[in-house]
Amino acid sequence: WQPDWSISAPAQNAGIAGFARIDYFKESWRKTVERREDFRDALL
């Protein structure tokens, strides 16, 4: 059911490069969790 060429070349390249820098993104996700807790406390 998926049309051919659904995923553009720039998108595929971005995904490949993103996984190549997965350590950066894991750290980013961890920092976002920390920011979330600080943000929640400030809202409360």
All heavy atoms as atom14 arrays in JSON, in Angstrom:
{
  "sequence": "WQPDWSISAPAQNAGIAGFARIDYFKESWRKTVERREDFRDALL",
  "atom14_mask": [
    [1, 1, 1, 1, 1, 1, 1, 1, 1, 1, 1, 1, 1, 1],
    [1, 1, 1, 1, 1, 1, 1, 1, 1, 0, 0, 0, 0, 0],
    [1, 1, 1, 1, 1, 1, 1, 0, 0, 0, 0, 0, 0, 0],
    [1, 1, 1, 1, 1, 1, 1, 1, 0, 0, 0, 0, 0, 0],
    [1, 1, 1, 1, 1, 1, 1, 1, 1, 1, 1, 1, 1, 1],
    [1, 1, 1, 1, 1, 1, 0, 0, 0, 0, 0, 0, 0, 0],
    [1, 1, 1, 1, 1, 1, 1, 1, 0, 0, 0, 0, 0, 0],
    [1, 1, 1, 1, 1, 1, 0, 0, 0, 0, 0, 0, 0, 0],
    [1, 1, 1, 1, 1, 0, 0, 0, 0, 0, 0, 0, 0, 0],
    [1, 1, 1, 1, 1, 1, 1, 0, 0, 0, 0, 0, 0, 0],
    [1, 1, 1, 1, 1, 0, 0, 0, 0, 0, 0, 0, 0, 0],
    [1, 1, 1, 1, 1, 1, 1, 1, 1, 0, 0, 0, 0, 0],
    [1, 1, 1, 1, 1, 1, 1, 1, 0, 0, 0, 0, 0, 0],
    [1, 1, 1, 1, 1, 0, 0, 0, 0, 0, 0, 0, 0, 0],
    [1, 1, 1, 1, 0, 0, 0, 0, 0, 0, 0, 0, 0, 0],
    [1, 1, 1, 1, 1, 1, 1, 1, 0, 0, 0, 0, 0, 0],
    [1, 1, 1, 1, 1, 0, 0, 0, 0, 0, 0, 0, 0, 0],
    [1, 1, 1, 1, 0, 0, 0, 0, 0, 0, 0, 0, 0, 0],
    [1, 1, 1, 1, 1, 1, 1, 1, 1, 1, 1, 0, 0, 0],
    [1, 1, 1, 1, 1, 0, 0, 0, 0, 0, 0, 0, 0, 0],
    [1, 1, 1, 1, 1, 1, 1, 1, 1, 1, 1, 0, 0, 0],
    [1, 1, 1, 1, 1, 1, 1, 1, 0, 0, 0, 0, 0, 0],
    [1, 1, 1, 1, 1, 1, 1, 1, 0, 0, 0, 0, 0, 0],
    [1, 1, 1, 1, 1, 1, 1, 1, 1, 1, 1, 1, 0, 0],
    [1, 1, 1, 1, 1, 1, 1, 1, 1, 1, 1, 0, 0, 0],
    [1, 1, 1, 1, 1, 1, 1, 1, 1, 0, 0, 0, 0, 0],
    [1, 1, 1, 1, 1, 1, 1, 1, 1, 0, 0, 0, 0, 0],
    [1, 1, 1, 1, 1, 1, 0, 0, 0, 0, 0, 0, 0, 0],
    [1, 1, 1, 1, 1, 1, 1, 1, 1, 1, 1, 1, 1, 1],
    [1, 1, 1, 1, 1, 1, 1, 1, 1, 1, 1, 0, 0, 0],
    [1, 1, 1, 1, 1, 1, 1, 1, 1, 0, 0, 0, 0, 0],
    [1, 1, 1, 1, 1, 1, 1, 0, 0, 0, 0, 0, 0, 0],
    [1, 1, 1, 1, 1, 1, 1, 0, 0, 0, 0, 0, 0, 0],
    [1, 1, 1, 1, 1, 1, 1, 1, 1, 0, 0, 0, 0, 0],
    [1, 1, 1, 1, 1, 1, 1, 1, 1, 1, 1, 0, 0, 0],
    [1, 1, 1, 1, 1, 1, 1, 1, 1, 1, 1, 0, 0, 0],
    [1, 1, 1, 1, 1, 1, 1, 1, 1, 0, 0, 0, 0, 0],
    [1, 1, 1, 1, 1, 1, 1, 1, 0, 0, 0, 0, 0, 0],
    [1, 1, 1, 1, 1, 1, 1, 1, 1, 1, 1, 0, 0, 0],
    [1, 1, 1, 1, 1, 1, 1, 1, 1, 1, 1, 0, 0, 0],
    [1, 1, 1, 1, 1, 1, 1, 1, 0, 0, 0, 0, 0, 0],
    [1, 1, 1, 1, 1, 0, 0, 0, 0, 0, 0, 0, 0, 0],
    [1, 1, 1, 1, 1, 1, 1, 1, 0, 0, 0, 0, 0, 0],
    [1, 1, 1, 1, 1, 1, 1, 1, 0, 0, 0, 0, 0, 0]
  ],
  "atom14_positions": [
    [[0.81, -1.22, 0.0], [0.0, 0.0, 0.0], [0.85, 1.27, 0.0], [0.31, 2.35, -0.29], [-0.93, 0.01, 1.22], [-2.13, -0.86, 1.04], [-2.23, -2.2, 1.29], [-3.4, -0.47, 0.53], [-3.48, -2.66, 0.99], [-4.23, -1.62, 0.52], [-3.94, 0.75, 0.09], [-5.55, -1.58, 0.09], [-5.25, 0.78, -0.35], [-6.04, -0.38, -0.34]],
    [[2.11, 1.16, 0.34], [2.95, 2.36, 0.42], [3.43, 2.76, -0.98], [4.03, 1.96, -1.7], [4.16, 2.11, 1.32], [5.0, 3.37, 1.55], [6.2, 3.1, 2.46], [6.86, 2.07, 2.32], [6.47, 4.02, 3.37], [0.0, 0.0, 0.0], [0.0, 0.0, 0.0], [0.0, 0.0, 0.0], [0.0, 0.0, 0.0], [0.0, 0.0, 0.0]],
    [[3.19, 4.01, -1.38], [3.67, 4.45, -2.7], [5.2, 4.36, -2.79], [5.91, 4.59, -1.81], [3.2, 5.91, -2.77], [2.09, 6.01, -1.79], [2.43, 5.06, -0.68], [0.0, 0.0, 0.0], [0.0, 0.0, 0.0], [0.0, 0.0, 0.0], [0.0, 0.0, 0.0], [0.0, 0.0, 0.0], [0.0, 0.0, 0.0], [0.0, 0.0, 0.0]],
    [[5.7, 4.02, -3.97], [7.14, 4.03, -4.19], [7.7, 5.44, -3.94], [7.01, 6.44, -4.14], [7.46, 3.61, -5.63], [7.25, 2.12, -5.85], [7.26, 1.37, -4.85], [7.05, 1.72, -7.01], [0.0, 0.0, 0.0], [0.0, 0.0, 0.0], [0.0, 0.0, 0.0], [0.0, 0.0, 0.0], [0.0, 0.0, 0.0], [0.0, 0.0, 0.0]],
    [[8.95, 5.46, -3.55], [9.69, 6.71, -3.32], [9.0, 7.6, -2.28], [9.05, 8.83, -2.35], [9.87, 7.5, -4.63], [10.44, 6.65, -5.72], [11.63, 5.98, -5.73], [9.82, 6.34, -6.98], [11.8, 5.28, -6.91], [10.7, 5.49, -7.69], [8.61, 6.71, -7.58], [10.4, 5.0, -8.96], [8.32, 6.23, -8.84], [9.21, 5.38, -9.52]],
    [[8.37, 6.98, -1.29], [7.71, 7.76, -0.24], [8.71, 8.57, 0.58], [8.38, 9.64, 1.09], [6.94, 6.82, 0.7], [5.73, 6.4, 0.14], [0.0, 0.0, 0.0], [0.0, 0.0, 0.0], [0.0, 0.0, 0.0], [0.0, 0.0, 0.0], [0.0, 0.0, 0.0], [0.0, 0.0, 0.0], [0.0, 0.0, 0.0], [0.0, 0.0, 0.0]],
    [[9.92, 8.03, 0.74], [10.9, 8.66, 1.63], [11.94, 9.38, 0.77], [12.69, 8.75, 0.03], [11.6, 7.62, 2.53], [10.61, 6.57, 3.02], [12.31, 8.33, 3.68], [9.42, 7.1, 3.76], [0.0, 0.0, 0.0], [0.0, 0.0, 0.0], [0.0, 0.0, 0.0], [0.0, 0.0, 0.0], [0.0, 0.0, 0.0], [0.0, 0.0, 0.0]],
    [[11.99, 10.68, 0.87], [12.9, 11.47, 0.03], [14.35, 11.19, 0.38], [14.67, 10.72, 1.48], [12.62, 12.96, 0.21], [13.03, 13.4, 1.49], [0.0, 0.0, 0.0], [0.0, 0.0, 0.0], [0.0, 0.0, 0.0], [0.0, 0.0, 0.0], [0.0, 0.0, 0.0], [0.0, 0.0, 0.0], [0.0, 0.0, 0.0], [0.0, 0.0, 0.0]],
    [[15.25, 11.51, -0.56], [16.68, 11.33, -0.31], [17.17, 12.17, 0.87], [17.93, 11.68, 1.71], [17.46, 11.65, -1.59], [0.0, 0.0, 0.0], [0.0, 0.0, 0.0], [0.0, 0.0, 0.0], [0.0, 0.0, 0.0], [0.0, 0.0, 0.0], [0.0, 0.0, 0.0], [0.0, 0.0, 0.0], [0.0, 0.0, 0.0], [0.0, 0.0, 0.0]],
    [[16.76, 13.46, 0.99], [17.19, 14.23, 2.17], [16.72, 13.61, 3.49], [17.46, 13.61, 4.48], [16.56, 15.61, 1.94], [16.41, 15.72, 0.47], [16.06, 14.32, 0.01], [0.0, 0.0, 0.0], [0.0, 0.0, 0.0], [0.0, 0.0, 0.0], [0.0, 0.0, 0.0], [0.0, 0.0, 0.0], [0.0, 0.0, 0.0], [0.0, 0.0, 0.0]],
    [[15.49, 13.08, 3.51], [14.99, 12.47, 4.73], [15.78, 11.21, 5.08], [16.16, 10.99, 6.24], [13.51, 12.13, 4.58], [0.0, 0.0, 0.0], [0.0, 0.0, 0.0], [0.0, 0.0, 0.0], [0.0, 0.0, 0.0], [0.0, 0.0, 0.0], [0.0, 0.0, 0.0], [0.0, 0.0, 0.0], [0.0, 0.0, 0.0], [0.0, 0.0, 0.0]],
    [[16.06, 10.36, 4.09], [16.85, 9.15, 4.35], [18.23, 9.52, 4.86], [18.74, 8.91, 5.81], [16.95, 8.31, 3.07], [15.63, 7.66, 2.67], [15.77, 6.72, 1.49], [16.69, 5.9, 1.45], [14.87, 6.82, 0.53], [0.0, 0.0, 0.0], [0.0, 0.0, 0.0], [0.0, 0.0, 0.0], [0.0, 0.0, 0.0], [0.0, 0.0, 0.0]],
    [[18.85, 10.52, 4.23], [20.18, 10.94, 4.67], [20.15, 11.46, 6.11], [21.07, 11.19, 6.9], [20.72, 12.03, 3.75], [21.34, 11.48, 2.49], [21.14, 10.32, 2.15], [22.09, 12.31, 1.78], [0.0, 0.0, 0.0], [0.0, 0.0, 0.0], [0.0, 0.0, 0.0], [0.0, 0.0, 0.0], [0.0, 0.0, 0.0], [0.0, 0.0, 0.0]],
    [[19.11, 12.19, 6.45], [18.99, 12.72, 7.81], [18.86, 11.6, 8.83], [19.47, 11.64, 9.9], [17.79, 13.67, 7.91], [0.0, 0.0, 0.0], [0.0, 0.0, 0.0], [0.0, 0.0, 0.0], [0.0, 0.0, 0.0], [0.0, 0.0, 0.0], [0.0, 0.0, 0.0], [0.0, 0.0, 0.0], [0.0, 0.0, 0.0], [0.0, 0.0, 0.0]],
    [[18.06, 10.57, 8.49], [17.92, 9.44, 9.4], [19.21, 8.69, 9.59], [19.59, 8.33, 10.72], [0.0, 0.0, 0.0], [0.0, 0.0, 0.0], [0.0, 0.0, 0.0], [0.0, 0.0, 0.0], [0.0, 0.0, 0.0], [0.0, 0.0, 0.0], [0.0, 0.0, 0.0], [0.0, 0.0, 0.0], [0.0, 0.0, 0.0], [0.0, 0.0, 0.0]],
    [[19.93, 8.45, 8.5], [21.22, 7.74, 8.57], [22.21, 8.54, 9.41], [22.88, 7.99, 10.3], [21.76, 7.51, 7.15], [20.85, 6.51, 6.4], [23.2, 7.01, 7.18], [21.06, 6.51, 4.9], [0.0, 0.0, 0.0], [0.0, 0.0, 0.0], [0.0, 0.0, 0.0], [0.0, 0.0, 0.0], [0.0, 0.0, 0.0], [0.0, 0.0, 0.0]],
    [[22.29, 9.84, 9.15], [23.22, 10.69, 9.91], [22.81, 10.82, 11.37], [23.66, 10.91, 12.27], [23.3, 12.07, 9.26], [0.0, 0.0, 0.0], [0.0, 0.0, 0.0], [0.0, 0.0, 0.0], [0.0, 0.0, 0.0], [0.0, 0.0, 0.0], [0.0, 0.0, 0.0], [0.0, 0.0, 0.0], [0.0, 0.0, 0.0], [0.0, 0.0, 0.0]],
    [[21.48, 10.81, 11.62], [21.01, 10.9, 13.0], [21.43, 9.7, 13.81], [21.89, 9.83, 14.95], [0.0, 0.0, 0.0], [0.0, 0.0, 0.0], [0.0, 0.0, 0.0], [0.0, 0.0, 0.0], [0.0, 0.0, 0.0], [0.0, 0.0, 0.0], [0.0, 0.0, 0.0], [0.0, 0.0, 0.0], [0.0, 0.0, 0.0], [0.0, 0.0, 0.0]],
    [[21.29, 8.5, 13.24], [21.72, 7.3, 13.97], [23.24, 7.26, 14.12], [23.75, 6.7, 15.09], [21.21, 6.04, 13.27], [19.83, 5.65, 13.7], [18.73, 5.93, 12.9], [19.62, 5.02, 14.92], [17.45, 5.59, 13.3], [18.34, 4.67, 15.34], [17.25, 4.95, 14.52], [0.0, 0.0, 0.0], [0.0, 0.0, 0.0], [0.0, 0.0, 0.0]],
    [[23.98, 7.86, 13.17], [25.43, 7.94, 13.31], [25.82, 8.82, 14.49], [26.92, 8.66, 15.05], [26.06, 8.47, 12.02], [0.0, 0.0, 0.0], [0.0, 0.0, 0.0], [0.0, 0.0, 0.0], [0.0, 0.0, 0.0], [0.0, 0.0, 0.0], [0.0, 0.0, 0.0], [0.0, 0.0, 0.0], [0.0, 0.0, 0.0], [0.0, 0.0, 0.0]],
    [[24.95, 9.76, 14.88], [25.2, 10.63, 16.03], [24.26, 10.29, 17.18], [23.84, 11.16, 17.93], [25.01, 12.09, 15.62], [26.08, 12.66, 14.72], [27.48, 12.64, 15.36], [27.49, 13.11, 16.74], [27.6, 14.39, 17.08], [27.71, 15.32, 16.15], [27.62, 14.73, 18.36], [0.0, 0.0, 0.0], [0.0, 0.0, 0.0], [0.0, 0.0, 0.0]],
    [[23.94, 9.01, 17.33], [22.94, 8.61, 18.31], [23.36, 8.96, 19.73], [22.51, 9.25, 20.58], [22.63, 7.1, 18.18], [21.3, 6.75, 18.9], [23.78, 6.25, 18.7], [20.09, 7.38, 18.28], [0.0, 0.0, 0.0], [0.0, 0.0, 0.0], [0.0, 0.0, 0.0], [0.0, 0.0, 0.0], [0.0, 0.0, 0.0], [0.0, 0.0, 0.0]],
    [[24.65, 8.96, 20.03], [25.1, 9.35, 21.37], [24.73, 10.79, 21.68], [24.33, 11.11, 22.82], [26.61, 9.14, 21.52], [26.99, 7.67, 21.59], [26.09, 6.84, 21.85], [28.17, 7.35, 21.38], [0.0, 0.0, 0.0], [0.0, 0.0, 0.0], [0.0, 0.0, 0.0], [0.0, 0.0, 0.0], [0.0, 0.0, 0.0], [0.0, 0.0, 0.0]],
    [[24.87, 11.66, 20.68], [24.47, 13.06, 20.87], [22.98, 13.14, 21.2], [22.57, 13.86, 22.12], [24.76, 13.88, 19.61], [24.12, 15.25, 19.6], [24.77, 16.33, 20.18], [22.85, 15.45, 19.04], [24.18, 17.59, 20.18], [22.25, 16.7, 19.05], [22.92, 17.77, 19.61], [22.33, 19.01, 19.63], [0.0, 0.0, 0.0], [0.0, 0.0, 0.0]],
    [[22.16, 12.4, 20.44], [20.72, 12.49, 20.64], [20.3, 11.84, 21.96], [19.38, 12.34, 22.64], [19.99, 11.88, 19.45], [20.02, 12.75, 18.23], [20.86, 12.45, 17.18], [19.24, 13.9, 18.16], [20.91, 13.27, 16.06], [19.29, 14.72, 17.05], [20.12, 14.41, 15.99], [0.0, 0.0, 0.0], [0.0, 0.0, 0.0], [0.0, 0.0, 0.0]],
    [[20.94, 10.76, 22.35], [20.62, 10.16, 23.65], [20.87, 11.15, 24.77], [20.07, 11.26, 25.72], [21.46, 8.89, 23.86], [20.98, 7.68, 23.07], [21.85, 6.46, 23.38], [21.35, 5.22, 22.67], [22.2, 4.03, 22.96], [0.0, 0.0, 0.0], [0.0, 0.0, 0.0], [0.0, 0.0, 0.0], [0.0, 0.0, 0.0], [0.0, 0.0, 0.0]],
    [[21.98, 11.87, 24.68], [22.28, 12.89, 25.7], [21.25, 14.01, 25.63], [20.83, 14.55, 26.67], [23.69, 13.44, 25.49], [24.1, 14.55, 26.44], [24.16, 14.11, 27.89], [24.13, 12.87, 28.17], [24.24, 14.99, 28.78], [0.0, 0.0, 0.0], [0.0, 0.0, 0.0], [0.0, 0.0, 0.0], [0.0, 0.0, 0.0], [0.0, 0.0, 0.0]],
    [[20.83, 14.36, 24.42], [19.82, 15.39, 24.25], [18.5, 14.98, 24.88], [17.84, 15.77, 25.57], [19.63, 15.68, 22.76], [18.53, 16.54, 22.54], [0.0, 0.0, 0.0], [0.0, 0.0, 0.0], [0.0, 0.0, 0.0], [0.0, 0.0, 0.0], [0.0, 0.0, 0.0], [0.0, 0.0, 0.0], [0.0, 0.0, 0.0], [0.0, 0.0, 0.0]],
    [[18.11, 13.72, 24.68], [16.86, 13.23, 25.27], [16.96, 13.24, 26.8], [16.0, 13.6, 27.49], [16.55, 11.82, 24.78], [16.48, 11.7, 23.29], [16.15, 12.7, 22.4], [16.75, 10.53, 22.5], [16.21, 12.22, 21.12], [16.57, 10.9, 21.14], [17.12, 9.23, 22.81], [16.76, 9.99, 20.1], [17.3, 8.32, 21.78], [17.12, 8.7, 20.44]],
    [[18.13, 12.87, 27.32], [18.33, 12.86, 28.77], [18.21, 14.27, 29.33], [17.57, 14.51, 30.37], [19.7, 12.27, 29.12], [19.93, 12.05, 30.61], [21.39, 11.77, 30.92], [22.25, 12.89, 30.57], [22.35, 13.99, 31.32], [21.64, 14.13, 32.43], [23.16, 14.97, 30.94], [0.0, 0.0, 0.0], [0.0, 0.0, 0.0], [0.0, 0.0, 0.0]],
    [[18.8, 15.24, 28.64], [18.73, 16.63, 29.09], [17.3, 17.16, 29.0], [16.88, 17.97, 29.85], [19.67, 17.51, 28.26], [21.15, 17.28, 28.54], [22.02, 18.33, 27.89], [21.93, 18.28, 26.38], [22.85, 19.25, 25.73], [0.0, 0.0, 0.0], [0.0, 0.0, 0.0], [0.0, 0.0, 0.0], [0.0, 0.0, 0.0], [0.0, 0.0, 0.0]],
    [[16.57, 16.72, 28.01], [15.17, 17.15, 27.88], [14.35, 16.65, 29.06], [13.49, 17.37, 29.57], [14.57, 16.64, 26.56], [15.32, 17.17, 25.46], [13.11, 17.07, 26.42], [0.0, 0.0, 0.0], [0.0, 0.0, 0.0], [0.0, 0.0, 0.0], [0.0, 0.0, 0.0], [0.0, 0.0, 0.0], [0.0, 0.0, 0.0], [0.0, 0.0, 0.0]],
    [[14.63, 15.42, 29.51], [13.95, 14.89, 30.7], [14.26, 15.77, 31.91], [13.37, 16.09, 32.71], [14.37, 13.43, 30.95], [13.85, 12.94, 32.31], [13.85, 12.51, 29.84], [0.0, 0.0, 0.0], [0.0, 0.0, 0.0], [0.0, 0.0, 0.0], [0.0, 0.0, 0.0], [0.0, 0.0, 0.0], [0.0, 0.0, 0.0], [0.0, 0.0, 0.0]],
    [[15.53, 16.18, 32.06], [15.89, 17.07, 33.18], [15.17, 18.41, 33.08], [14.66, 18.93, 34.08], [17.41, 17.29, 33.19], [18.22, 16.05, 33.57], [19.71, 16.34, 33.61], [20.11, 17.47, 33.21], [20.47, 15.45, 34.03], [0.0, 0.0, 0.0], [0.0, 0.0, 0.0], [0.0, 0.0, 0.0], [0.0, 0.0, 0.0], [0.0, 0.0, 0.0]],
    [[15.14, 18.97, 31.87], [14.45, 20.24, 31.67], [12.96, 20.1, 31.98], [12.33, 21.01, 32.53], [14.6, 20.72, 30.22], [15.96, 21.24, 29.86], [15.9, 21.98, 28.53], [17.19, 21.94, 27.88], [17.45, 21.31, 26.75], [16.49, 20.65, 26.13], [18.65, 21.33, 26.22], [0.0, 0.0, 0.0], [0.0, 0.0, 0.0], [0.0, 0.0, 0.0]],
    [[12.41, 18.94, 31.6], [10.99, 18.68, 31.86], [10.7, 18.78, 33.36], [9.7, 19.38, 33.76], [10.61, 17.3, 31.35], [9.16, 16.92, 31.59], [8.89, 15.49, 31.16], [9.53, 14.52, 32.05], [9.89, 13.29, 31.67], [9.71, 12.88, 30.44], [10.44, 12.47, 32.56], [0.0, 0.0, 0.0], [0.0, 0.0, 0.0], [0.0, 0.0, 0.0]],
    [[11.55, 18.19, 34.17], [11.32, 18.22, 35.62], [11.4, 19.64, 36.16], [10.57, 20.06, 36.99], [12.33, 17.31, 36.32], [12.28, 15.84, 35.85], [10.89, 15.27, 35.92], [10.33, 15.2, 37.03], [10.34, 14.89, 34.86], [0.0, 0.0, 0.0], [0.0, 0.0, 0.0], [0.0, 0.0, 0.0], [0.0, 0.0, 0.0], [0.0, 0.0, 0.0]],
    [[12.4, 20.39, 35.71], [12.53, 21.79, 36.14], [11.34, 22.62, 35.68], [10.82, 23.48, 36.42], [13.82, 22.39, 35.6], [15.07, 21.76, 36.21], [14.96, 21.17, 37.31], [16.15, 21.87, 35.59], [0.0, 0.0, 0.0], [0.0, 0.0, 0.0], [0.0, 0.0, 0.0], [0.0, 0.0, 0.0], [0.0, 0.0, 0.0], [0.0, 0.0, 0.0]],
    [[10.91, 22.37, 34.44], [9.79, 23.1, 33.85], [8.51, 22.81, 34.63], [7.73, 23.72, 34.94], [9.66, 22.68, 32.4], [8.89, 23.63, 31.53], [8.71, 24.95, 31.87], [8.33, 23.19, 30.33], [8.01, 25.83, 31.05], [7.62, 24.03, 29.51], [7.46, 25.36, 29.88], [0.0, 0.0, 0.0], [0.0, 0.0, 0.0], [0.0, 0.0, 0.0]],
    [[8.29, 21.54, 34.97], [7.11, 21.16, 35.74], [7.1, 21.88, 37.08], [6.07, 22.43, 37.51], [7.09, 19.65, 35.97], [5.91, 19.16, 36.82], [6.2, 17.81, 37.42], [7.38, 17.85, 38.26], [8.13, 16.8, 38.57], [7.84, 15.62, 38.08], [9.19, 16.92, 39.35], [0.0, 0.0, 0.0], [0.0, 0.0, 0.0], [0.0, 0.0, 0.0]],
    [[8.25, 21.89, 37.77], [8.32, 22.54, 39.08], [8.0, 24.02, 38.96], [7.33, 24.6, 39.83], [9.7, 22.33, 39.69], [9.96, 20.89, 40.07], [9.0, 20.11, 40.15], [11.14, 20.54, 40.3], [0.0, 0.0, 0.0], [0.0, 0.0, 0.0], [0.0, 0.0, 0.0], [0.0, 0.0, 0.0], [0.0, 0.0, 0.0], [0.0, 0.0, 0.0]],
    [[8.5, 24.65, 37.88], [8.23, 26.07, 37.69], [6.75, 26.33, 37.42], [6.17, 27.3, 37.93], [9.09, 26.61, 36.54], [0.0, 0.0, 0.0], [0.0, 0.0, 0.0], [0.0, 0.0, 0.0], [0.0, 0.0, 0.0], [0.0, 0.0, 0.0], [0.0, 0.0, 0.0], [0.0, 0.0, 0.0], [0.0, 0.0, 0.0], [0.0, 0.0, 0.0]],
    [[6.12, 25.46, 36.64], [4.68, 25.6, 36.38], [3.87, 25.42, 37.66], [2.93, 26.17, 37.94], [4.25, 24.58, 35.33], [4.75, 24.81, 33.9], [4.52, 23.57, 33.04], [4.08, 26.02, 33.27], [0.0, 0.0, 0.0], [0.0, 0.0, 0.0], [0.0, 0.0, 0.0], [0.0, 0.0, 0.0], [0.0, 0.0, 0.0], [0.0, 0.0, 0.0]],
    [[4.26, 24.43, 38.45], [3.56, 24.19, 39.72], [3.72, 25.37, 40.67], [2.81, 25.71, 41.42], [4.09, 22.91, 40.37], [3.73, 21.59, 39.68], [4.49, 20.43, 40.32], [2.22, 21.34, 39.76], [0.0, 0.0, 0.0], [0.0, 0.0, 0.0], [0.0, 0.0, 0.0], [0.0, 0.0, 0.0], [0.0, 0.0, 0.0], [0.0, 0.0, 0.0]]
  ]
}
